[in-house]
Each structure stands twice: as C-alpha cells, then as structure tokens.
Amino acid sequence: MAKKKIVVVGAGFAGVSATRLLAKNLKNDAEITVIDKHDFQTSMTQLHEVAASRVEPDAVQYQLERTIGKFHNVNVVKDSLVELDKSGKKVITEKGSYDYDYLVVSMGGEPNDFGVPGVKEYGFTLWSLEDALKIKAHLKEMVQAAAKESDSEKRKKLLTFSVAGSGFTGIEMAGELIDWRKKASKKYGIPESEFTINIVEMMPTIMNILDRSLADKALTYLQNKNINVLVNHGITAVAEDHITVNVGGRDEEKVVKEIPGNTLIWTTGVQGNTEAEACQLSETERGHRLQANEYMEAIGNENQGIYVAGDVSGYIVPENGRPTPQIVEAAEQTGSTAAKNIIADIKGGTKTKFSGNYRGTLVSIGSDYAVGTVGKTKLSGFSATFMKHMVYLVYTFEIRSGHYFFKYINDQLFHKGAI
C-alpha cells in the first residue's frame, strides 16, 4: 500500500506536537512534510527574555532538524505558504508544491492591534524572534541616546518605557524590564530612578485570567519595584513620542490624557495568523481563526483530510462558548488531537474529540519572581520561578533533546545576554 502523504504547515508548538505523534505512530505508513518559514521552532514564552537581553537569541530557537527532523519519515522544508489547492490536494508554496492526503494547518497567531491608530507605525509587538530583536535594539538605542541627552524633557521620553496590556505577555515583558533597567543603569551610568516603566491596562485590574490573590501579589511586587501600573487606561492612539489614553472606569466619564515616551510595547491581543487566509478555509467571526469541529477538522471541509490546530484554530469549546485559549498547552493538545484523528483514519480506529486539560499557568516577573498555579496549588516567589524553569526542562524531555536540556540550563545560569 502506498504511503500516505501528510503536510504540516507551521512548526510551532501545535505543529511540532502533531508531527511527533504522526511520525512515531506512522513509521511505515506515511511521509510527513513540515513547512515553516523558519528552520527553527520559537519558544514563544521566552521572547521577553531576548527582548530585554536576559538571554541570547539562540536560547529561544529549537532547530527543527534536531527535534522533528531526526524522524526518518519527516522532511522539514523552509518555505512559505502561497495557496491551498483543495480540489487537487496540493499545498503551493513560494518554492514549490506538495501533494497531500492529509493536511494540518498550524500557522499560529499574530498580534491584534484592534485598529488603534499608530500601533503599527510606532508600537513594538512581541510575537516573534524578529519582534524581540527589534525591541532589544530599540531599548539599547534609547538608553544610549539618553546617556548623551542634556535636555531633561527629551531624556525623560527616552527613558520612559510603556507596555500595553497586563496579560501574561505584558506582565512578563514589564518584569523583564526590571532586570534590564538595573543592567542598563550600571552600564550607562544612568540612575535607576530616571527610568520610567509603565503597564497600561484598560481594565480595572491586571492579569484577569489568573487567580485574583496571585494577581494581587504580582501587583504588589511590581509596585515595590517602581513599576507604574496604570489601570482604567485605554489606549486610543500611539505617536512617536507619546500615547493617548482615555482614563476612567466603565461607568465613569473618561478623561483624555497623554503619556510621554518613545517606547510602547504592544501586548494586548492575539488573533489567528492572517497568512492562513491563503488556505481559503472558513474563519470565525472575530480574530481571524479557522473554524474547526471537535476533531480539529476544518469546518466546511470535513472528511477531506484538512485539520487546523494551535492559535489559528477557532474550535469553540461547548462548555463556555469560547475558542480554545491561545496558550501552549492548548496548541499542543489541538495538534495532538488532529494527529490522533489522522492516525485513526489511516490505521482504522475511533476518532478522538478535543478535550482541553490545562495543568496550570506560571508567569515570570523578571528572573527572580513569578506567580502561578500548578494544578490546584498556588505558587509565588522562588517556588513559582523554580517550577517555571522545570516546565521548560520538561519540554526538552518531551521533544527528546538532551542538547536543549543542557543548553537551557547553560543559558539561564551562565550564558547571559548582553545589553
């Protein structure tokens, strides 16, 4: 019997999870092609560490040839999707085309600016290694310019850093700036008191999907580290040297205010990768996510071998009426669900419905503090920081890579990033 051809487009957490399961269970039954515009998987949850110079860029790169490329039935291709020919069952890319019997679209997400004027032109997003490197270079540029600037108003703008959004990415980015501020102060001879770090949040509280008691601990820690946490501040426009906000609660009259500063890091929203539009699959009403059923099949293309997984998947969870959360565990689990159903179709078996099982959440606030939950246990401080490191180390076991296990330890303990 001819081997089935499986194409996986996107090698993030969902794509890698699907590929590993497919490769192990279809050793002699399938040829798997993984297409991604990079030859590495990005550890998305560490991008803030690169942006603020805690680690070097290669610390967040898992080379695909080392992880999934080692399977004899997997071919990794560095390429970009152009079009999906569903009738001919071909994935058309910039460099060629690939026939498929089964397809997994796992192209991830991208930042959502919600149409706020100026975000694209003057804001920095944090959703790729390229984004993190842009922030790193910009931070260096700002502090170098400030060291030479004698005009107090201009110097203050150069040393003001605002983070839009108090979700996990925003809090981790702001926390990382605490460590960066100390290193930058020492290197450039600028007192730490001259640095201004703002978290700008439109809601009345921060970290709103975390346990309230833990979010309050995070708030206290941030404030003790001289971080300005500006709640009820909705950003309405972004300019080169300031942001405009509406200040006030839901039922209060809003006051328009400008916050000076040459740096805004935008972390307020995520949507599906708009490059996935090339697939011409049905999208959700909001967020550019691809509609999927409980088996991760693309809705409108059931029984045609097309599956969607990860942040681009718009499967609606019946229990709450919401799409699957755009977090690592959900990405891996949607990817494995798609893979299990492809395996069942090829080998014969019962289809598996998606069932999210999230073991916890850990949020770092700099290198020395974190908050979060593991199961039903609440953690903060050293215990949470330790567990967050353990999560990364466990992932290296999941991808069966001793190389990245020891590299992570080395990067965190010895091979620090340079400002």
Protein backbone atom coordinates (compact mmCIF):
# COMPACT_ATOMS: atom_id res chain seq x y z
CA MET A 1 0.00 0.00 0.00
CA ALA A 2 1.32 3.43 -0.94
CA LYS A 3 2.39 5.63 1.93
CA LYS A 4 0.06 8.47 2.82
CA LYS A 5 1.34 11.99 2.32
CA ILE A 6 0.87 14.33 5.26
CA VAL A 7 1.75 18.01 5.15
CA VAL A 8 2.01 20.13 8.30
CA VAL A 9 2.10 23.88 7.68
CA GLY A 10 3.58 25.67 10.67
CA ALA A 11 6.14 24.34 13.14
CA GLY A 12 5.14 25.98 16.38
CA PHE A 13 4.03 24.06 19.45
CA ALA A 14 0.94 22.67 17.68
CA GLY A 15 2.75 21.65 14.50
CA VAL A 16 5.62 20.02 16.37
CA SER A 17 3.22 18.18 18.69
CA ALA A 18 1.24 16.85 15.72
CA THR A 19 4.36 15.90 13.76
CA ARG A 20 5.95 13.97 16.63
CA LEU A 21 2.80 11.91 17.20
CA LEU A 22 2.33 11.25 13.49
CA ALA A 23 5.97 10.29 12.96
CA LYS A 24 6.04 7.84 15.86
CA ASN A 25 2.75 6.14 15.00
CA LEU A 26 3.03 6.07 11.21
CA LYS A 27 6.66 4.99 10.81
CA ASN A 28 6.00 2.88 7.74
CA ASP A 29 2.64 4.30 6.70
CA ALA A 30 3.27 7.97 5.93
CA GLU A 31 5.66 10.54 4.57
CA ILE A 32 5.41 13.78 6.55
CA THR A 33 6.46 17.16 5.20
CA VAL A 34 6.69 20.06 7.65
CA ILE A 35 6.69 23.52 6.09
CA ASP A 36 7.68 26.63 8.02
CA LYS A 37 9.24 29.94 7.06
CA HIS A 38 11.94 29.29 9.66
CA ASP A 39 14.14 26.26 10.19
CA PHE A 40 13.59 26.51 13.93
CA GLN A 41 10.72 26.42 16.41
CA THR A 42 10.49 29.55 18.55
CA SER A 43 9.99 29.25 22.30
CA MET A 44 7.33 31.97 22.26
CA THR A 45 7.05 32.15 26.04
CA GLN A 46 10.69 33.26 26.32
CA LEU A 47 10.68 36.11 23.82
CA HIS A 48 10.65 38.74 26.56
CA GLU A 49 13.96 37.30 27.79
CA VAL A 50 15.55 38.05 24.42
CA ALA A 51 13.91 41.47 24.15
CA ALA A 52 15.37 42.57 27.49
CA SER A 53 18.74 40.87 27.00
CA ARG A 54 18.43 38.15 29.65
CA VAL A 55 19.44 35.52 27.09
CA GLU A 56 20.84 35.48 23.58
CA PRO A 57 18.54 34.83 20.57
CA ASP A 58 19.58 31.20 20.10
CA ALA A 59 18.23 30.42 23.57
CA VAL A 60 14.67 30.52 22.18
CA GLN A 61 15.37 28.58 18.98
CA TYR A 62 14.83 24.84 18.71
CA GLN A 63 16.34 23.76 15.41
CA LEU A 64 13.76 21.58 13.67
CA GLU A 65 16.34 19.19 12.26
CA ARG A 66 17.36 18.40 15.85
CA THR A 67 13.79 17.86 17.09
CA ILE A 68 11.43 16.53 14.42
CA GLY A 69 13.86 16.24 11.51
CA LYS A 70 15.52 13.28 13.18
CA PHE A 71 12.49 11.09 12.36
CA HIS A 72 13.21 9.14 9.17
CA ASN A 73 9.71 9.80 7.81
CA VAL A 74 9.79 13.59 8.36
CA ASN A 75 11.10 16.14 5.86
CA VAL A 76 11.50 19.72 7.11
CA VAL A 77 11.14 22.42 4.45
CA LYS A 78 11.93 26.10 4.96
CA ASP A 79 9.26 27.76 2.81
CA SER A 80 6.10 29.87 2.95
CA LEU A 81 2.52 29.04 2.04
CA VAL A 82 1.10 30.77 -1.03
CA GLU A 83 -2.10 28.87 -1.80
CA LEU A 84 -4.03 25.74 -0.95
CA ASP A 85 -5.43 23.80 -3.90
CA LYS A 86 -8.11 21.80 -2.12
CA SER A 87 -9.51 20.13 -5.25
CA GLY A 88 -6.06 19.00 -6.37
CA LYS A 89 -4.94 18.35 -2.78
CA LYS A 90 -1.77 20.41 -3.15
CA VAL A 91 -0.04 22.88 -0.86
CA ILE A 92 1.52 25.55 -3.05
CA THR A 93 4.47 27.43 -1.61
CA GLU A 94 6.90 30.09 -2.77
CA LYS A 95 9.42 27.43 -3.82
CA GLY A 96 7.24 24.54 -4.99
CA SER A 97 4.18 22.43 -4.30
CA TYR A 98 3.43 19.41 -2.12
CA ASP A 99 0.74 16.79 -2.59
CA TYR A 100 -1.17 15.74 0.48
CA ASP A 101 -3.65 13.17 1.63
CA TYR A 102 -3.87 14.89 4.99
CA LEU A 103 -3.08 18.46 5.92
CA VAL A 104 -2.57 20.13 9.30
CA VAL A 105 -2.72 23.94 9.25
CA SER A 106 -0.94 25.10 12.40
CA MET A 107 0.32 28.53 11.43
CA GLY A 108 -0.03 30.14 14.85
CA GLY A 109 -1.20 33.61 15.70
CA GLU A 110 -0.13 37.22 15.40
CA PRO A 111 -0.67 40.44 17.36
CA ASN A 112 -4.03 42.18 17.18
CA ASP A 113 -3.86 45.98 17.33
CA PHE A 114 -7.67 46.36 17.36
CA GLY A 115 -7.34 49.17 14.84
CA VAL A 116 -5.75 51.60 17.31
CA PRO A 117 -4.10 54.35 15.22
CA GLY A 118 -0.31 54.41 15.31
CA VAL A 119 0.32 50.95 16.76
CA LYS A 120 1.70 49.57 13.50
CA GLU A 121 3.82 52.65 12.87
CA TYR A 122 5.18 53.38 16.34
CA GLY A 123 4.49 50.38 18.57
CA PHE A 124 6.56 47.23 19.06
CA THR A 125 4.88 43.84 19.17
CA LEU A 126 6.27 40.69 20.80
CA TRP A 127 5.19 37.69 18.77
CA SER A 128 8.34 36.50 17.00
CA LEU A 129 12.08 36.39 17.43
CA GLU A 130 12.31 39.24 14.93
CA ASP A 131 10.00 41.29 17.14
CA ALA A 132 12.11 40.57 20.22
CA LEU A 133 15.31 41.61 18.44
CA LYS A 134 13.71 44.87 17.30
CA ILE A 135 12.76 45.66 20.90
CA LYS A 136 16.25 44.76 22.11
CA ALA A 137 17.87 47.07 19.57
CA HIS A 138 15.41 49.87 20.33
CA LEU A 139 15.98 49.66 24.10
CA LYS A 140 19.71 49.93 23.51
CA GLU A 141 19.21 52.88 21.18
CA MET A 142 17.04 54.70 23.72
CA VAL A 143 19.39 54.30 26.66
CA GLN A 144 22.46 55.21 24.59
CA ALA A 145 20.74 58.38 23.39
CA ALA A 146 19.60 59.22 26.93
CA ALA A 147 23.16 58.93 28.22
CA LYS A 148 24.14 61.75 25.88
CA GLU A 149 20.99 63.87 26.18
CA SER A 150 21.16 67.02 28.32
CA ASP A 151 17.59 68.21 27.73
CA SER A 152 15.62 66.83 30.70
CA GLU A 153 12.30 66.53 28.83
CA LYS A 154 13.83 64.66 25.91
CA ARG A 155 15.84 62.48 28.28
CA LYS A 156 12.68 61.55 30.21
CA LYS A 157 10.93 60.49 26.98
CA LEU A 158 13.90 58.37 26.00
CA LEU A 159 13.85 56.64 29.38
CA THR A 160 10.09 56.01 29.52
CA PHE A 161 9.02 52.50 28.52
CA SER A 162 5.32 51.61 28.36
CA VAL A 163 3.87 48.14 27.99
CA ALA A 164 0.30 47.99 26.66
CA GLY A 165 -1.69 45.19 28.26
CA SER A 166 -1.44 43.32 31.55
CA GLY A 167 -1.95 39.80 30.28
CA PHE A 168 0.82 37.25 30.75
CA THR A 169 2.98 38.56 27.90
CA GLY A 170 2.71 42.17 29.09
CA ILE A 171 3.50 41.35 32.70
CA GLU A 172 6.46 39.16 31.72
CA MET A 173 7.81 41.89 29.44
CA ALA A 174 7.45 44.56 32.13
CA GLY A 175 9.03 42.23 34.69
CA GLU A 176 11.97 41.62 32.39
CA LEU A 177 12.46 45.39 32.09
CA ILE A 178 13.06 45.50 35.86
CA ASP A 179 16.20 43.39 35.39
CA TRP A 180 17.15 45.25 32.21
CA ARG A 181 16.84 48.63 33.97
CA LYS A 182 19.38 47.58 36.58
CA LYS A 183 21.90 46.39 33.96
CA ALA A 184 21.36 49.44 31.74
CA SER A 185 21.77 51.77 34.71
CA LYS A 186 25.09 50.21 35.61
CA LYS A 187 26.42 50.10 32.05
CA TYR A 188 25.45 53.63 31.01
CA GLY A 189 25.76 55.41 34.34
CA ILE A 190 22.11 56.48 34.49
CA PRO A 191 20.39 56.29 37.90
CA GLU A 192 17.61 53.70 38.02
CA SER A 193 15.33 56.41 39.39
CA GLU A 194 15.39 58.13 35.98
CA PHE A 195 13.83 55.13 34.23
CA THR A 196 10.03 55.05 33.98
CA ILE A 197 8.29 51.75 33.27
CA ASN A 198 4.51 51.78 32.77
CA ILE A 199 1.99 48.98 32.41
CA VAL A 200 -1.04 50.44 30.65
CA GLU A 201 -4.25 48.44 31.12
CA MET A 202 -7.78 49.39 30.09
CA MET A 203 -9.42 47.10 32.69
CA PRO A 204 -9.63 47.97 36.42
CA THR A 205 -7.39 45.02 37.38
CA ILE A 206 -4.39 43.21 35.91
CA MET A 207 -3.83 39.57 34.90
CA ASN A 208 -7.54 38.95 34.74
CA ILE A 209 -7.46 35.25 33.90
CA LEU A 210 -5.24 34.44 36.87
CA ASP A 211 -6.38 33.75 40.42
CA ARG A 212 -7.08 37.14 42.00
CA SER A 213 -4.89 36.58 45.06
CA LEU A 214 -1.92 35.75 42.84
CA ALA A 215 -2.60 38.73 40.56
CA ASP A 216 -2.62 40.96 43.64
CA LYS A 217 0.74 39.54 44.73
CA ALA A 218 2.10 40.32 41.27
CA LEU A 219 0.72 43.85 41.50
CA THR A 220 2.38 44.44 44.87
CA TYR A 221 5.70 43.10 43.57
CA LEU A 222 5.57 45.34 40.51
CA GLN A 223 4.73 48.42 42.53
CA ASN A 224 7.54 47.66 45.00
CA LYS A 225 9.88 47.60 42.01
CA ASN A 226 8.70 51.09 40.98
CA ILE A 227 6.59 49.96 38.05
CA ASN A 228 3.64 52.25 37.32
CA VAL A 229 0.55 50.09 36.90
CA LEU A 230 -2.00 52.30 35.14
CA VAL A 231 -5.39 50.58 35.20
CA ASN A 232 -8.54 52.00 33.61
CA HIS A 233 -6.26 53.47 30.95
CA GLY A 234 -7.46 52.62 27.44
CA ILE A 235 -5.02 53.49 24.68
CA THR A 236 -6.73 55.35 21.84
CA ALA A 237 -3.72 56.44 19.75
CA VAL A 238 0.03 55.96 19.55
CA ALA A 239 2.51 58.56 18.33
CA GLU A 240 6.28 58.58 18.06
CA ASP A 241 6.82 60.33 21.39
CA HIS A 242 3.61 59.67 23.36
CA ILE A 243 0.47 57.61 23.72
CA THR A 244 -3.05 58.96 24.15
CA VAL A 245 -5.31 57.28 26.67
CA ASN A 246 -8.86 57.51 27.96
CA VAL A 247 -8.71 57.36 31.74
CA GLY A 248 -11.70 56.16 33.72
CA GLY A 249 -13.73 53.13 34.70
CA ARG A 250 -16.58 51.60 32.72
CA ASP A 251 -19.27 53.85 34.23
CA GLU A 252 -17.10 56.93 34.68
CA GLU A 253 -16.64 59.91 32.43
CA LYS A 254 -13.42 59.43 30.51
CA VAL A 255 -10.55 61.91 30.73
CA VAL A 256 -8.18 62.17 27.76
CA LYS A 257 -4.53 62.14 28.74
CA GLU A 258 -1.15 61.92 27.02
CA ILE A 259 1.68 59.80 28.39
CA PRO A 260 5.07 60.92 27.01
CA GLY A 261 7.60 58.31 25.95
CA ASN A 262 9.39 56.99 22.88
CA THR A 263 8.70 53.30 23.57
CA LEU A 264 5.44 51.34 23.52
CA ILE A 265 5.46 47.54 23.57
CA TRP A 266 2.03 46.30 22.47
CA THR A 267 0.90 43.01 24.04
CA THR A 268 -2.87 43.46 24.31
CA GLY A 269 -4.27 40.92 21.89
CA VAL A 270 -3.73 37.87 19.69
CA GLN A 271 -5.51 36.78 16.54
CA GLY A 272 -5.04 33.95 14.09
CA ASN A 273 -2.24 34.26 11.57
CA THR A 274 -3.67 36.19 8.63
CA GLU A 275 -1.30 34.31 6.30
CA ALA A 276 -3.65 31.37 6.82
CA GLU A 277 -6.20 33.24 4.65
CA ALA A 278 -4.33 31.66 1.73
CA CYS A 279 -5.98 28.36 2.70
CA GLN A 280 -9.44 29.83 1.98
CA LEU A 281 -10.96 27.98 4.92
CA SER A 282 -13.92 29.24 6.95
CA GLU A 283 -12.96 31.80 9.59
CA THR A 284 -14.54 32.67 12.92
CA GLU A 285 -16.47 35.93 13.14
CA ARG A 286 -13.64 37.57 15.07
CA GLY A 287 -9.95 37.04 15.43
CA HIS A 288 -9.07 35.51 12.03
CA ARG A 289 -9.17 31.97 13.43
CA LEU A 290 -10.08 28.99 11.27
CA GLN A 291 -13.28 27.20 12.20
CA ALA A 292 -12.79 23.66 13.44
CA ASN A 293 -15.01 20.91 14.77
CA GLU A 294 -14.32 18.78 17.85
CA TYR A 295 -11.98 16.55 15.80
CA MET A 296 -9.98 19.62 14.64
CA GLU A 297 -11.27 19.16 11.11
CA ALA A 298 -11.70 22.38 9.15
CA ILE A 299 -15.42 23.16 9.13
CA GLY A 300 -16.76 23.05 5.58
CA ASN A 301 -14.06 20.55 4.64
CA GLU A 302 -14.95 17.60 6.87
CA ASN A 303 -13.72 14.18 5.72
CA GLN A 304 -11.34 15.83 3.26
CA GLY A 305 -8.24 15.38 5.41
CA ILE A 306 -7.86 19.04 6.39
CA TYR A 307 -7.22 19.83 10.05
CA VAL A 308 -6.42 23.03 11.92
CA ALA A 309 -4.54 23.33 15.21
CA GLY A 310 -2.87 25.80 17.55
CA ASP A 311 -3.51 29.52 17.86
CA VAL A 312 -5.05 29.64 14.39
CA SER A 313 -7.70 27.08 15.37
CA GLY A 314 -11.09 28.53 16.19
CA TYR A 315 -12.69 25.48 17.77
CA ILE A 316 -15.47 26.64 20.08
CA VAL A 317 -15.46 24.85 23.43
CA PRO A 318 -19.09 23.86 24.15
CA GLU A 319 -18.80 24.35 27.92
CA ASN A 320 -18.06 28.08 27.69
CA GLY A 321 -18.85 29.05 24.10
CA ARG A 322 -15.34 30.41 23.59
CA PRO A 323 -12.49 29.39 21.29
CA THR A 324 -9.66 27.33 22.72
CA PRO A 325 -7.25 29.59 24.63
CA GLN A 326 -4.16 30.73 22.75
CA ILE A 327 -1.69 29.11 25.14
CA VAL A 328 1.00 26.47 24.72
CA GLU A 329 -0.95 23.60 26.28
CA ALA A 330 -3.99 24.23 24.07
CA ALA A 331 -1.76 24.43 20.99
CA GLU A 332 -0.11 21.10 21.79
CA GLN A 333 -3.42 19.43 22.60
CA THR A 334 -5.19 20.62 19.45
CA GLY A 335 -2.17 19.44 17.46
CA SER A 336 -2.22 16.02 19.09
CA THR A 337 -6.00 15.75 18.56
CA ALA A 338 -5.56 16.40 14.83
CA ALA A 339 -2.75 13.84 14.69
CA LYS A 340 -4.73 11.17 16.55
CA ASN A 341 -7.60 11.51 14.10
CA ILE A 342 -5.32 11.27 11.08
CA ILE A 343 -3.77 8.13 12.59
CA ALA A 344 -7.24 6.68 13.25
CA ASP A 345 -8.27 7.36 9.65
CA ILE A 346 -5.16 5.69 8.24
CA LYS A 347 -4.95 2.72 10.59
CA GLY A 348 -8.62 2.36 11.39
CA GLY A 349 -9.99 3.38 14.73
CA THR A 350 -12.30 5.73 16.59
CA LYS A 351 -11.96 9.47 16.22
CA THR A 352 -10.88 11.48 19.25
CA LYS A 353 -12.74 14.59 20.34
CA PHE A 354 -10.74 17.52 21.64
CA SER A 355 -10.73 17.85 25.41
CA GLY A 356 -8.61 20.58 26.96
CA ASN A 357 -6.64 19.60 30.03
CA TYR A 358 -4.59 22.52 31.29
CA ARG A 359 -2.27 21.79 34.16
CA GLY A 360 -1.56 25.33 35.28
CA THR A 361 -0.14 28.73 34.48
CA LEU A 362 3.15 30.31 35.51
CA VAL A 363 4.06 33.94 34.89
CA SER A 364 7.59 35.24 35.44
CA ILE A 365 8.14 38.82 36.61
CA GLY A 366 11.82 39.16 35.93
CA SER A 367 14.35 36.44 36.65
CA ASP A 368 13.77 36.24 40.42
CA TYR A 369 9.99 36.24 40.87
CA ALA A 370 6.94 34.52 39.44
CA VAL A 371 3.34 33.67 40.27
CA GLY A 372 1.06 30.93 39.05
CA THR A 373 -0.72 27.68 39.62
CA VAL A 374 0.23 24.05 39.12
CA GLY A 375 -2.92 22.00 39.30
CA LYS A 376 -4.80 23.49 42.24
CA THR A 377 -1.66 24.65 44.02
CA LYS A 378 -0.93 28.38 44.10
CA LEU A 379 2.71 29.40 43.88
CA SER A 380 4.60 32.65 44.16
CA GLY A 381 8.19 33.79 44.53
CA PHE A 382 11.00 31.23 44.34
CA SER A 383 8.72 28.17 44.14
CA ALA A 384 6.91 29.57 41.09
CA THR A 385 10.19 30.60 39.46
CA PHE A 386 11.62 27.12 40.04
CA MET A 387 8.53 25.45 38.58
CA LYS A 388 8.63 27.68 35.51
CA HIS A 389 12.20 26.57 34.85
CA MET A 390 11.07 22.97 35.32
CA VAL A 391 8.35 23.43 32.70
CA TYR A 392 10.94 24.40 30.11
CA LEU A 393 13.18 21.49 31.08
CA VAL A 394 10.27 19.06 30.89
CA TYR A 395 9.55 20.28 27.36
CA THR A 396 13.09 19.33 26.32
CA PHE A 397 12.27 15.80 27.53
CA GLU A 398 9.04 15.84 25.52
CA ILE A 399 10.96 16.64 22.35
CA ARG A 400 13.63 14.11 23.39
CA SER A 401 16.52 16.57 23.26
CA GLY A 402 19.36 16.33 25.74
CA HIS A 403 21.06 19.08 23.77
CA TYR A 404 18.33 21.61 24.57
CA PHE A 405 18.03 20.38 28.17
CA PHE A 406 21.64 21.29 28.93
CA LYS A 407 21.50 24.37 26.72
CA TYR A 408 18.59 25.78 28.71
CA ILE A 409 20.50 25.35 31.98
CA ASN A 410 23.60 26.92 30.47
CA ASP A 411 21.67 29.87 29.00
CA GLN A 412 19.87 30.63 32.26
CA LEU A 413 22.85 30.22 34.59
CA PHE A 414 25.97 31.06 32.63
CA HIS A 415 25.39 32.41 29.12
CA LYS A 416 23.61 35.66 29.91
CA GLY A 417 22.57 38.06 27.15
CA ALA A 418 24.45 41.32 26.63
CA ILE A 419 22.78 44.72 26.58
